[in-house]
Structures are given as C-alpha cells and as structure tokens.
Amino acid sequence: MAGEPETYCLERGVQIPLSLMNDVSTKTALVGDPVYLRTTFPVVSEGRMAIPPGSCWTGTIIEVRRAKRGQRRGELHVRFDT
C-alpha cells in the first residue's frame, strides 16, 4: 500500500557509523543515563538506502567501567532503544 514504510532487514554485523550528540564520560556517567546519537553516513541494504544520514538514535547506558590507576581506558556499554 502507498504510504506504508518499506521494511529492510540488515545482515548481522552491519556497521552503522554513529556520532554522539551529547557528552559522555566514564568519570561522570551513571547506569540509566541517556545517550543521543546520529548516523553519519547512509546505510545501504539491497542497493537501497535503508537508514539515511542524520537519523537520530537514542540509547541508555547499561554498564560503566571506570579507568583504574595505570589503565588508560574506561568502558561504557550502551543499549540502543530507538
């Protein structure tokens, strides 16, 4: 039917380049904090654009591992919600 959005199924492992829209740091982040992202490039599936650049994504921080002494990196784990 006209007006209904087309459905695309992306293969597992497809990389979607995202850019953070808000500042996030392992020093201050807490589990449950929101994360806002935007696609930086289009994602193509079956020769057609499935996700246009500039699409907004939201997520939630589900785990924070702060950097300890002698370590250079902390980790944030994010669940994508929309």
N, C-alpha and C. Protein backbone atom coordinates (compact mmCIF):
# COMPACT_ATOMS: atom_id res chain seq x y z
N MET A 1 0.83 -1.18 0.00
CA MET A 1 0.00 0.00 0.00
C MET A 1 0.87 1.24 0.00
N ALA A 2 0.39 2.25 -0.65
CA ALA A 2 1.12 3.51 -0.68
C ALA A 2 1.08 4.15 0.70
N GLY A 3 2.14 4.78 1.10
CA GLY A 3 2.21 5.45 2.39
C GLY A 3 2.77 4.61 3.51
N GLU A 4 2.82 3.29 3.34
CA GLU A 4 3.41 2.45 4.38
C GLU A 4 4.91 2.40 4.18
N PRO A 5 5.68 2.52 5.28
CA PRO A 5 7.13 2.46 5.14
C PRO A 5 7.61 1.08 4.70
N GLU A 6 8.66 1.07 3.90
CA GLU A 6 9.24 -0.21 3.49
C GLU A 6 10.03 -0.79 4.64
N THR A 7 10.09 -2.11 4.70
CA THR A 7 10.83 -2.79 5.75
C THR A 7 12.12 -3.36 5.17
N TYR A 8 13.23 -3.11 5.85
CA TYR A 8 14.53 -3.64 5.44
C TYR A 8 15.08 -4.48 6.57
N CYS A 9 15.74 -5.54 6.22
CA CYS A 9 16.41 -6.38 7.21
C CYS A 9 17.90 -6.32 6.93
N LEU A 10 18.65 -5.74 7.86
CA LEU A 10 20.10 -5.64 7.71
C LEU A 10 20.73 -6.94 8.18
N GLU A 11 21.79 -7.33 7.50
CA GLU A 11 22.52 -8.53 7.90
C GLU A 11 23.20 -8.30 9.24
N ARG A 12 23.34 -9.36 9.99
CA ARG A 12 24.04 -9.29 11.27
C ARG A 12 25.47 -8.82 11.02
N GLY A 13 25.95 -7.94 11.86
CA GLY A 13 27.32 -7.46 11.76
C GLY A 13 27.49 -6.21 10.93
N VAL A 14 26.40 -5.70 10.34
CA VAL A 14 26.50 -4.46 9.56
C VAL A 14 26.88 -3.33 10.51
N GLN A 15 27.89 -2.57 10.12
CA GLN A 15 28.34 -1.46 10.95
C GLN A 15 27.57 -0.21 10.58
N ILE A 16 27.07 0.47 11.60
CA ILE A 16 26.32 1.70 11.41
C ILE A 16 27.12 2.82 12.07
N PRO A 17 27.74 3.69 11.26
CA PRO A 17 28.56 4.77 11.84
C PRO A 17 27.68 5.80 12.54
N LEU A 18 27.93 5.99 13.84
CA LEU A 18 27.15 6.91 14.65
C LEU A 18 28.06 7.96 15.29
N SER A 19 27.50 9.12 15.51
CA SER A 19 28.22 10.21 16.17
C SER A 19 27.44 10.61 17.42
N LEU A 20 28.14 10.76 18.54
CA LEU A 20 27.49 11.16 19.79
C LEU A 20 27.02 12.60 19.69
N MET A 21 25.81 12.86 20.19
CA MET A 21 25.28 14.22 20.21
C MET A 21 25.43 14.86 21.59
N ASN A 22 25.64 14.06 22.63
CA ASN A 22 25.84 14.60 23.97
C ASN A 22 27.17 14.09 24.51
N ASP A 23 27.73 14.83 25.45
CA ASP A 23 29.00 14.44 26.05
C ASP A 23 28.77 13.26 27.00
N VAL A 24 29.65 12.28 26.90
CA VAL A 24 29.58 11.11 27.76
C VAL A 24 30.99 10.81 28.25
N SER A 25 31.12 10.57 29.54
CA SER A 25 32.43 10.29 30.13
C SER A 25 32.29 9.18 31.15
N THR A 26 33.27 8.29 31.19
CA THR A 26 33.23 7.22 32.19
C THR A 26 33.42 7.79 33.60
N LYS A 27 33.93 9.01 33.71
CA LYS A 27 34.12 9.63 35.03
C LYS A 27 32.79 10.04 35.64
N THR A 28 31.83 10.45 34.81
CA THR A 28 30.59 11.00 35.35
C THR A 28 29.34 10.20 34.98
N ALA A 29 29.44 9.29 34.04
CA ALA A 29 28.27 8.55 33.56
C ALA A 29 27.74 7.59 34.62
N LEU A 30 26.43 7.45 34.63
CA LEU A 30 25.76 6.52 35.54
C LEU A 30 24.88 5.57 34.73
N VAL A 31 24.69 4.37 35.25
CA VAL A 31 23.78 3.43 34.60
C VAL A 31 22.40 4.09 34.54
N GLY A 32 21.78 4.02 33.37
CA GLY A 32 20.47 4.63 33.17
C GLY A 32 20.52 5.98 32.48
N ASP A 33 21.71 6.58 32.36
CA ASP A 33 21.84 7.86 31.67
C ASP A 33 21.50 7.69 30.19
N PRO A 34 20.83 8.68 29.59
CA PRO A 34 20.52 8.59 28.16
C PRO A 34 21.71 8.97 27.30
N VAL A 35 21.73 8.42 26.09
CA VAL A 35 22.75 8.72 25.10
C VAL A 35 22.02 9.06 23.81
N TYR A 36 22.44 10.14 23.15
CA TYR A 36 21.82 10.57 21.90
C TYR A 36 22.86 10.51 20.79
N LEU A 37 22.49 9.86 19.68
CA LEU A 37 23.42 9.67 18.57
C LEU A 37 22.73 10.01 17.25
N ARG A 38 23.56 10.17 16.21
CA ARG A 38 23.05 10.46 14.87
C ARG A 38 23.91 9.70 13.87
N THR A 39 23.29 9.16 12.82
CA THR A 39 24.06 8.46 11.79
C THR A 39 24.87 9.47 11.00
N THR A 40 26.10 9.09 10.68
CA THR A 40 26.99 10.00 9.95
C THR A 40 27.03 9.70 8.46
N PHE A 41 26.67 8.49 8.07
CA PHE A 41 26.66 8.08 6.67
C PHE A 41 25.41 7.24 6.42
N PRO A 42 24.95 7.17 5.19
CA PRO A 42 23.79 6.31 4.90
C PRO A 42 24.16 4.83 5.01
N VAL A 43 23.19 4.02 5.41
CA VAL A 43 23.37 2.57 5.45
C VAL A 43 22.55 2.00 4.30
N VAL A 44 23.22 1.22 3.43
CA VAL A 44 22.59 0.69 2.23
C VAL A 44 22.31 -0.80 2.42
N SER A 45 21.11 -1.22 2.01
CA SER A 45 20.72 -2.62 2.05
C SER A 45 20.06 -2.95 0.72
N GLU A 46 20.52 -4.00 0.09
CA GLU A 46 19.97 -4.45 -1.19
C GLU A 46 19.96 -3.33 -2.23
N GLY A 47 21.02 -2.51 -2.20
CA GLY A 47 21.17 -1.44 -3.17
C GLY A 47 20.30 -0.22 -2.92
N ARG A 48 19.61 -0.18 -1.80
CA ARG A 48 18.75 0.97 -1.47
C ARG A 48 19.12 1.51 -0.10
N MET A 49 18.91 2.81 0.10
CA MET A 49 19.24 3.42 1.37
C MET A 49 18.22 2.99 2.42
N ALA A 50 18.70 2.24 3.42
CA ALA A 50 17.83 1.75 4.49
C ALA A 50 17.78 2.73 5.66
N ILE A 51 18.92 3.36 5.95
CA ILE A 51 19.00 4.33 7.04
C ILE A 51 19.68 5.58 6.49
N PRO A 52 18.97 6.70 6.39
CA PRO A 52 19.58 7.90 5.84
C PRO A 52 20.54 8.57 6.84
N PRO A 53 21.50 9.34 6.33
CA PRO A 53 22.39 10.07 7.24
C PRO A 53 21.57 11.08 8.04
N GLY A 54 21.98 11.31 9.27
CA GLY A 54 21.27 12.25 10.13
C GLY A 54 20.13 11.64 10.91
N SER A 55 19.93 10.32 10.77
CA SER A 55 18.87 9.65 11.54
C SER A 55 19.24 9.66 13.02
N CYS A 56 18.26 9.94 13.87
CA CYS A 56 18.51 10.04 15.31
C CYS A 56 18.33 8.68 15.99
N TRP A 57 19.19 8.42 16.95
CA TRP A 57 19.15 7.19 17.73
C TRP A 57 19.22 7.58 19.21
N THR A 58 18.56 6.80 20.04
CA THR A 58 18.68 7.01 21.48
C THR A 58 19.13 5.70 22.12
N GLY A 59 19.81 5.83 23.22
CA GLY A 59 20.28 4.66 23.94
C GLY A 59 20.32 4.94 25.43
N THR A 60 20.62 3.91 26.17
CA THR A 60 20.72 4.01 27.62
C THR A 60 22.01 3.32 28.06
N ILE A 61 22.75 3.96 28.94
CA ILE A 61 23.97 3.34 29.47
C ILE A 61 23.56 2.22 30.41
N ILE A 62 24.08 1.02 30.14
CA ILE A 62 23.71 -0.14 30.97
C ILE A 62 24.87 -0.63 31.83
N GLU A 63 26.09 -0.17 31.53
CA GLU A 63 27.23 -0.57 32.36
C GLU A 63 28.34 0.47 32.20
N VAL A 64 28.99 0.80 33.31
CA VAL A 64 30.11 1.74 33.30
C VAL A 64 31.29 1.08 33.99
N ARG A 65 32.42 1.07 33.31
CA ARG A 65 33.67 0.59 33.91
C ARG A 65 34.65 1.74 33.87
N ARG A 66 34.92 2.31 35.01
CA ARG A 66 35.82 3.45 35.09
C ARG A 66 37.27 2.97 34.95
N ALA A 67 38.10 3.83 34.39
CA ALA A 67 39.52 3.51 34.26
C ALA A 67 40.15 3.50 35.65
N LYS A 68 40.96 2.50 35.91
CA LYS A 68 41.66 2.42 37.20
C LYS A 68 43.07 2.94 37.04
N ARG A 69 43.74 3.12 38.12
CA ARG A 69 45.12 3.61 38.05
C ARG A 69 45.96 2.70 37.17
N GLY A 70 46.73 3.30 36.30
CA GLY A 70 47.58 2.53 35.41
C GLY A 70 46.88 2.11 34.14
N GLN A 71 45.56 2.23 34.09
CA GLN A 71 44.82 1.91 32.87
C GLN A 71 44.48 3.22 32.17
N ARG A 72 44.46 3.15 30.85
CA ARG A 72 44.17 4.36 30.10
C ARG A 72 42.71 4.47 29.69
N ARG A 73 41.97 3.37 29.69
CA ARG A 73 40.62 3.40 29.15
C ARG A 73 39.58 2.86 30.12
N GLY A 74 38.44 3.52 30.10
CA GLY A 74 37.27 3.00 30.77
C GLY A 74 36.36 2.44 29.68
N GLU A 75 35.22 1.91 30.08
CA GLU A 75 34.27 1.35 29.11
C GLU A 75 32.86 1.79 29.45
N LEU A 76 32.07 2.03 28.41
CA LEU A 76 30.64 2.28 28.55
C LEU A 76 29.92 1.26 27.69
N HIS A 77 28.90 0.64 28.22
CA HIS A 77 28.08 -0.28 27.44
C HIS A 77 26.72 0.38 27.27
N VAL A 78 26.25 0.43 26.02
CA VAL A 78 25.03 1.13 25.69
C VAL A 78 24.02 0.17 25.06
N ARG A 79 22.77 0.28 25.47
CA ARG A 79 21.66 -0.43 24.84
C ARG A 79 20.96 0.57 23.94
N PHE A 80 20.78 0.22 22.67
CA PHE A 80 20.08 1.12 21.75
C PHE A 80 18.58 0.91 21.89
N ASP A 81 17.87 1.99 22.11
CA ASP A 81 16.44 1.92 22.35
C ASP A 81 15.62 2.27 21.09
N THR A 82 15.98 3.34 20.41
CA THR A 82 15.27 3.74 19.18
C THR A 82 16.26 4.21 18.15
